[in-house]
């Protein structure tokens, strides 16, 4: 018989508003105050960005799901900085052929802090 994990932290109340939005071809779940790493966005640190491609807004016990986007909803964020992620090694190897190819890649990202979520 396996051990059951006990969570000491209480579950967050339903009054906390969060949103799922799309940026850089990926979906991100965020609430006010979160720090997220998104695909690189061309803007200066300290600038404010509005994400209007909001797929879901939840808060006060109810959730609004868009088809495909929730009309009038905006997630506002401030750019904290830019950087590069950890290195990913790509290795191609063919056995018994004296063939080996190595390549590395570091993906650029933009770090943003979520300021507010406005449900439309």
N, C-alpha and C. Protein backbone atom coordinates (compact mmCIF):
# COMPACT_ATOMS: atom_id res chain seq x y z
N UNK A 1 0.84 -1.16 0.00
CA UNK A 1 0.00 0.00 0.00
C UNK A 1 0.90 1.24 0.00
N UNK A 2 0.59 2.20 -0.89
CA UNK A 2 1.42 3.41 -1.01
C UNK A 2 1.08 4.44 0.05
N UNK A 3 2.00 5.36 0.22
CA UNK A 3 1.77 6.45 1.17
C UNK A 3 0.97 7.55 0.49
N UNK A 4 0.09 8.16 1.25
CA UNK A 4 -0.72 9.25 0.73
C UNK A 4 -0.06 10.56 1.11
N UNK A 5 0.08 11.46 0.15
CA UNK A 5 0.71 12.74 0.43
C UNK A 5 -0.31 13.67 1.08
N UNK A 6 0.11 14.31 2.15
CA UNK A 6 -0.76 15.24 2.86
C UNK A 6 -0.26 16.65 2.56
N UNK A 7 -1.15 17.51 2.10
CA UNK A 7 -0.79 18.89 1.78
C UNK A 7 -1.07 19.75 3.00
N UNK A 8 -0.04 20.42 3.49
CA UNK A 8 -0.21 21.25 4.67
C UNK A 8 -0.78 22.62 4.31
N UNK A 9 -0.56 23.09 3.08
CA UNK A 9 -1.07 24.39 2.68
C UNK A 9 -2.54 24.28 2.31
N UNK A 10 -3.35 25.25 2.74
CA UNK A 10 -4.75 25.21 2.33
C UNK A 10 -4.88 25.56 0.85
N UNK A 11 -5.92 25.05 0.24
CA UNK A 11 -6.16 25.37 -1.16
C UNK A 11 -6.52 26.84 -1.28
N UNK A 12 -6.15 27.49 -2.39
CA UNK A 12 -6.44 28.91 -2.52
C UNK A 12 -7.95 29.15 -2.61
N UNK A 13 -8.42 30.26 -2.03
CA UNK A 13 -9.86 30.54 -2.12
C UNK A 13 -10.24 30.85 -3.55
N UNK A 14 -11.51 30.62 -3.85
CA UNK A 14 -11.98 30.81 -5.22
C UNK A 14 -12.04 32.28 -5.61
N UNK A 15 -11.87 33.19 -4.64
CA UNK A 15 -11.96 34.61 -4.96
C UNK A 15 -10.69 35.12 -5.65
N UNK A 16 -9.60 34.33 -5.66
CA UNK A 16 -8.38 34.76 -6.33
C UNK A 16 -8.60 34.65 -7.83
N UNK A 17 -8.40 35.77 -8.53
CA UNK A 17 -8.63 35.80 -9.96
C UNK A 17 -7.37 35.33 -10.69
N UNK A 18 -7.55 34.46 -11.66
CA UNK A 18 -6.46 34.04 -12.52
C UNK A 18 -6.96 33.97 -13.96
N UNK A 19 -6.02 33.94 -14.88
CA UNK A 19 -6.36 33.92 -16.30
C UNK A 19 -5.40 33.00 -17.04
N UNK A 20 -5.88 32.45 -18.14
CA UNK A 20 -5.05 31.69 -19.07
C UNK A 20 -5.00 32.51 -20.34
N UNK A 21 -3.78 32.90 -20.74
CA UNK A 21 -3.64 33.71 -21.95
C UNK A 21 -2.60 33.09 -22.86
N UNK A 22 -2.58 33.56 -24.09
CA UNK A 22 -1.70 33.02 -25.12
C UNK A 22 -0.64 34.05 -25.48
N UNK A 23 0.61 33.60 -25.52
CA UNK A 23 1.71 34.47 -25.93
C UNK A 23 2.81 33.61 -26.52
N UNK A 24 3.27 33.97 -27.69
CA UNK A 24 4.35 33.22 -28.33
C UNK A 24 3.95 31.80 -28.71
N UNK A 25 2.67 31.56 -28.98
CA UNK A 25 2.21 30.25 -29.38
C UNK A 25 2.05 29.28 -28.22
N UNK A 26 2.18 29.78 -26.98
CA UNK A 26 2.03 28.93 -25.80
C UNK A 26 0.96 29.54 -24.89
N UNK A 27 0.38 28.70 -24.04
CA UNK A 27 -0.62 29.16 -23.09
C UNK A 27 0.00 29.25 -21.71
N UNK A 28 -0.33 30.32 -20.99
CA UNK A 28 0.23 30.56 -19.67
C UNK A 28 -0.89 30.85 -18.69
N UNK A 29 -0.79 30.29 -17.47
CA UNK A 29 -1.76 30.55 -16.41
C UNK A 29 -1.10 31.53 -15.46
N UNK A 30 -1.81 32.62 -15.13
CA UNK A 30 -1.21 33.66 -14.30
C UNK A 30 -2.24 34.30 -13.39
N UNK A 31 -1.74 34.80 -12.26
CA UNK A 31 -2.55 35.63 -11.38
C UNK A 31 -1.72 36.87 -11.06
N UNK A 32 -2.34 37.89 -10.52
CA UNK A 32 -1.65 39.15 -10.25
C UNK A 32 -0.45 38.91 -9.34
N UNK A 33 0.70 39.48 -9.72
CA UNK A 33 1.92 39.34 -8.93
C UNK A 33 2.84 38.23 -9.40
N UNK A 34 2.39 37.35 -10.29
CA UNK A 34 3.23 36.25 -10.78
C UNK A 34 4.35 36.76 -11.66
N UNK A 35 5.47 36.04 -11.65
CA UNK A 35 6.62 36.33 -12.51
C UNK A 35 6.71 35.20 -13.52
N UNK A 36 6.59 35.52 -14.82
CA UNK A 36 6.56 34.50 -15.87
C UNK A 36 7.69 34.71 -16.86
N UNK A 37 8.16 33.62 -17.44
CA UNK A 37 9.12 33.67 -18.54
C UNK A 37 8.39 33.29 -19.82
N UNK A 38 8.31 34.25 -20.73
CA UNK A 38 7.61 34.06 -22.00
C UNK A 38 8.62 34.03 -23.13
N UNK A 39 8.17 33.61 -24.32
CA UNK A 39 9.01 33.71 -25.50
C UNK A 39 9.42 35.17 -25.68
N UNK A 40 10.57 35.41 -26.28
CA UNK A 40 11.11 36.77 -26.37
C UNK A 40 10.13 37.73 -27.04
N UNK A 41 9.92 38.88 -26.38
CA UNK A 41 9.07 39.95 -26.88
C UNK A 41 9.96 41.18 -27.03
N UNK A 42 9.91 41.84 -28.18
CA UNK A 42 10.74 43.01 -28.43
C UNK A 42 10.18 44.22 -27.70
N UNK A 43 10.67 44.48 -26.49
CA UNK A 43 10.30 45.67 -25.73
C UNK A 43 11.34 45.88 -24.64
N UNK A 44 11.41 47.12 -24.16
CA UNK A 44 12.43 47.49 -23.17
C UNK A 44 11.97 47.11 -21.76
N UNK A 45 12.91 46.80 -20.86
CA UNK A 45 12.55 46.55 -19.47
C UNK A 45 11.87 47.78 -18.87
N UNK A 46 10.81 47.52 -18.09
CA UNK A 46 10.04 48.61 -17.50
C UNK A 46 8.79 48.96 -18.31
N UNK A 47 8.72 48.50 -19.55
CA UNK A 47 7.55 48.76 -20.39
C UNK A 47 6.37 47.92 -19.92
N UNK A 48 5.17 48.39 -20.27
CA UNK A 48 3.95 47.68 -19.92
C UNK A 48 3.38 47.01 -21.18
N UNK A 49 2.94 45.76 -21.04
CA UNK A 49 2.38 44.99 -22.15
C UNK A 49 0.96 44.57 -21.80
N UNK A 50 0.07 44.62 -22.77
CA UNK A 50 -1.29 44.12 -22.61
C UNK A 50 -1.47 42.89 -23.47
N UNK A 51 -1.88 41.78 -22.85
CA UNK A 51 -2.18 40.55 -23.57
C UNK A 51 -3.70 40.46 -23.69
N UNK A 52 -4.20 40.54 -24.93
CA UNK A 52 -5.65 40.50 -25.13
C UNK A 52 -6.15 39.15 -25.63
N UNK A 53 -5.24 38.21 -25.85
CA UNK A 53 -5.64 36.87 -26.29
C UNK A 53 -5.86 36.00 -25.05
N UNK A 54 -6.90 36.32 -24.29
CA UNK A 54 -7.22 35.64 -23.03
C UNK A 54 -8.20 34.50 -23.33
N UNK A 55 -7.82 33.29 -22.95
CA UNK A 55 -8.63 32.10 -23.22
C UNK A 55 -9.61 31.80 -22.09
N UNK A 56 -9.24 32.13 -20.83
CA UNK A 56 -10.07 31.81 -19.69
C UNK A 56 -9.81 32.83 -18.59
N UNK A 57 -10.86 33.27 -17.92
CA UNK A 57 -10.75 34.14 -16.75
C UNK A 57 -11.57 33.51 -15.65
N UNK A 58 -10.96 33.34 -14.47
CA UNK A 58 -11.65 32.72 -13.35
C UNK A 58 -11.47 33.58 -12.11
N UNK A 59 -12.53 33.68 -11.33
CA UNK A 59 -12.48 34.43 -10.08
C UNK A 59 -13.87 34.55 -9.50
N UNK A 60 -13.93 34.76 -8.18
CA UNK A 60 -15.19 34.88 -7.46
C UNK A 60 -16.11 33.68 -7.70
N UNK A 61 -15.53 32.50 -7.79
CA UNK A 61 -16.32 31.29 -7.89
C UNK A 61 -16.84 30.95 -9.27
N UNK A 62 -16.52 31.74 -10.28
CA UNK A 62 -17.01 31.43 -11.63
C UNK A 62 -15.87 31.56 -12.63
N UNK A 63 -16.00 30.85 -13.72
CA UNK A 63 -14.99 30.88 -14.78
C UNK A 63 -15.67 31.25 -16.10
N UNK A 64 -14.99 32.09 -16.87
CA UNK A 64 -15.50 32.47 -18.19
C UNK A 64 -14.51 31.93 -19.22
N UNK A 65 -15.01 31.10 -20.10
CA UNK A 65 -14.19 30.49 -21.14
C UNK A 65 -14.56 31.12 -22.46
N UNK A 66 -13.54 31.54 -23.23
CA UNK A 66 -13.79 32.18 -24.51
C UNK A 66 -13.96 31.18 -25.63
N UNK A 67 -14.43 31.71 -26.76
CA UNK A 67 -14.59 30.87 -27.94
C UNK A 67 -14.07 31.63 -29.16
N UNK A 68 -12.80 31.72 -29.45
CA UNK A 68 -11.67 31.19 -28.68
C UNK A 68 -11.17 32.13 -27.59
N UNK A 69 -11.50 33.44 -27.63
CA UNK A 69 -10.99 34.37 -26.63
C UNK A 69 -12.15 35.01 -25.88
N UNK A 70 -11.89 35.42 -24.63
CA UNK A 70 -12.88 36.11 -23.83
C UNK A 70 -12.89 37.57 -24.26
N UNK A 71 -14.02 38.05 -24.75
CA UNK A 71 -14.11 39.41 -25.28
C UNK A 71 -13.92 40.43 -24.17
N UNK A 72 -13.06 41.42 -24.44
CA UNK A 72 -12.85 42.52 -23.51
C UNK A 72 -11.91 42.23 -22.36
N UNK A 73 -11.37 41.03 -22.26
CA UNK A 73 -10.46 40.68 -21.16
C UNK A 73 -9.03 41.02 -21.54
N UNK A 74 -8.30 41.56 -20.56
CA UNK A 74 -6.92 41.97 -20.80
C UNK A 74 -6.07 41.58 -19.60
N UNK A 75 -4.89 41.02 -19.85
CA UNK A 75 -3.90 40.75 -18.81
C UNK A 75 -2.78 41.77 -19.01
N UNK A 76 -2.54 42.59 -17.99
CA UNK A 76 -1.52 43.63 -18.06
C UNK A 76 -0.28 43.17 -17.31
N UNK A 77 0.89 43.34 -17.94
CA UNK A 77 2.15 42.91 -17.34
C UNK A 77 3.23 43.96 -17.56
N UNK A 78 4.25 43.91 -16.71
CA UNK A 78 5.40 44.81 -16.84
C UNK A 78 6.63 43.96 -17.14
N UNK A 79 7.42 44.40 -18.11
CA UNK A 79 8.63 43.67 -18.50
C UNK A 79 9.70 43.88 -17.43
N UNK A 80 10.20 42.78 -16.87
CA UNK A 80 11.25 42.85 -15.86
C UNK A 80 12.62 42.80 -16.52
N UNK A 81 12.78 41.94 -17.52
CA UNK A 81 14.07 41.83 -18.20
C UNK A 81 14.05 40.74 -19.25
N UNK A 82 15.21 40.59 -19.89
CA UNK A 82 15.39 39.58 -20.92
C UNK A 82 16.53 38.66 -20.51
N UNK A 83 16.56 37.47 -21.05
CA UNK A 83 17.63 36.54 -20.73
C UNK A 83 17.61 35.35 -21.65
N UNK A 84 18.48 34.39 -21.33
CA UNK A 84 18.55 33.16 -22.10
C UNK A 84 18.42 31.98 -21.15
N UNK A 85 17.72 30.96 -21.61
CA UNK A 85 17.47 29.78 -20.80
C UNK A 85 18.69 28.88 -20.69
N UNK A 86 18.50 27.74 -20.03
CA UNK A 86 19.57 26.76 -19.90
C UNK A 86 19.91 26.16 -21.26
N UNK A 87 21.14 25.71 -21.39
CA UNK A 87 21.59 25.14 -22.66
C UNK A 87 20.98 23.77 -22.88
N UNK A 88 20.51 23.56 -24.11
CA UNK A 88 19.98 22.26 -24.53
C UNK A 88 20.98 21.69 -25.52
N UNK A 89 21.48 20.47 -25.25
CA UNK A 89 22.44 19.83 -26.14
C UNK A 89 21.72 18.94 -27.13
N UNK A 90 22.06 19.12 -28.40
CA UNK A 90 21.51 18.28 -29.46
C UNK A 90 22.66 17.42 -29.98
N UNK A 91 22.50 16.09 -29.92
CA UNK A 91 23.56 15.18 -30.34
C UNK A 91 22.99 14.21 -31.35
N UNK A 92 23.63 14.14 -32.52
CA UNK A 92 23.30 13.12 -33.52
C UNK A 92 24.49 12.17 -33.58
N UNK A 93 24.19 10.89 -33.47
CA UNK A 93 25.25 9.89 -33.40
C UNK A 93 24.86 8.69 -34.25
N UNK A 94 25.75 8.30 -35.13
CA UNK A 94 25.52 7.09 -35.93
C UNK A 94 26.60 6.07 -35.54
N UNK A 95 26.16 4.95 -35.02
CA UNK A 95 27.12 3.96 -34.55
C UNK A 95 27.87 3.33 -35.72
N UNK A 96 29.12 3.02 -35.46
CA UNK A 96 30.02 2.34 -36.40
C UNK A 96 30.25 3.13 -37.69
N UNK A 97 29.96 4.41 -37.74
CA UNK A 97 30.12 5.19 -38.97
C UNK A 97 31.11 6.35 -38.78
N UNK A 98 31.69 6.47 -37.57
CA UNK A 98 32.57 7.59 -37.26
C UNK A 98 31.87 8.91 -37.54
N UNK A 99 30.61 8.97 -37.19
CA UNK A 99 29.82 10.17 -37.44
C UNK A 99 29.17 10.62 -36.15
N UNK A 100 29.47 11.85 -35.80
CA UNK A 100 28.87 12.43 -34.60
C UNK A 100 28.74 13.93 -34.82
N UNK A 101 27.58 14.47 -34.43
CA UNK A 101 27.34 15.89 -34.59
C UNK A 101 26.81 16.44 -33.28
N UNK A 102 27.40 17.51 -32.78
CA UNK A 102 26.96 18.12 -31.52
C UNK A 102 26.58 19.56 -31.79
N UNK A 103 25.51 19.96 -31.14
CA UNK A 103 25.05 21.34 -31.29
C UNK A 103 24.36 21.75 -29.99
N UNK A 104 24.48 23.01 -29.62
CA UNK A 104 23.82 23.51 -28.43
C UNK A 104 22.88 24.65 -28.78
N UNK A 105 21.90 24.87 -27.91
CA UNK A 105 20.93 25.94 -28.16
C UNK A 105 20.50 26.54 -26.83
N UNK A 106 20.43 27.87 -26.78
CA UNK A 106 19.90 28.57 -25.61
C UNK A 106 18.79 29.49 -26.09
N UNK A 107 17.58 29.27 -25.58
CA UNK A 107 16.42 30.02 -26.03
C UNK A 107 16.32 31.36 -25.31
N UNK A 108 16.05 32.43 -26.05
CA UNK A 108 15.82 33.75 -25.46
C UNK A 108 14.45 33.79 -24.80
N UNK A 109 14.33 34.52 -23.70
CA UNK A 109 13.04 34.70 -23.04
C UNK A 109 12.90 36.14 -22.54
N UNK A 110 11.66 36.51 -22.26
CA UNK A 110 11.34 37.79 -21.64
C UNK A 110 10.64 37.49 -20.33
N UNK A 111 11.13 38.09 -19.25
CA UNK A 111 10.54 37.87 -17.94
C UNK A 111 9.57 39.02 -17.66
N UNK A 112 8.33 38.67 -17.32
CA UNK A 112 7.30 39.69 -17.05
C UNK A 112 6.65 39.43 -15.69
N UNK A 113 6.19 40.53 -15.06
CA UNK A 113 5.44 40.44 -13.82
C UNK A 113 4.01 40.87 -14.12
N UNK A 114 3.05 40.00 -13.76
CA UNK A 114 1.64 40.28 -14.02
C UNK A 114 1.16 41.35 -13.05
N UNK A 115 0.64 42.44 -13.60
CA UNK A 115 0.14 43.55 -12.77
C UNK A 115 -1.34 43.40 -12.46
N UNK A 116 -2.16 43.16 -13.49
CA UNK A 116 -3.59 43.08 -13.25
C UNK A 116 -4.26 42.22 -14.31
N UNK A 117 -5.45 41.74 -13.96
CA UNK A 117 -6.29 40.96 -14.87
C UNK A 117 -7.66 41.63 -14.89
N UNK A 118 -8.11 42.01 -16.07
CA UNK A 118 -9.42 42.63 -16.20
C UNK A 118 -10.33 41.71 -17.01
N UNK A 119 -11.41 41.29 -16.38
CA UNK A 119 -12.37 40.44 -17.06
C UNK A 119 -13.36 41.33 -17.82
N UNK A 120 -13.55 41.03 -19.10
CA UNK A 120 -14.40 41.88 -19.94
C UNK A 120 -15.82 41.73 -19.73
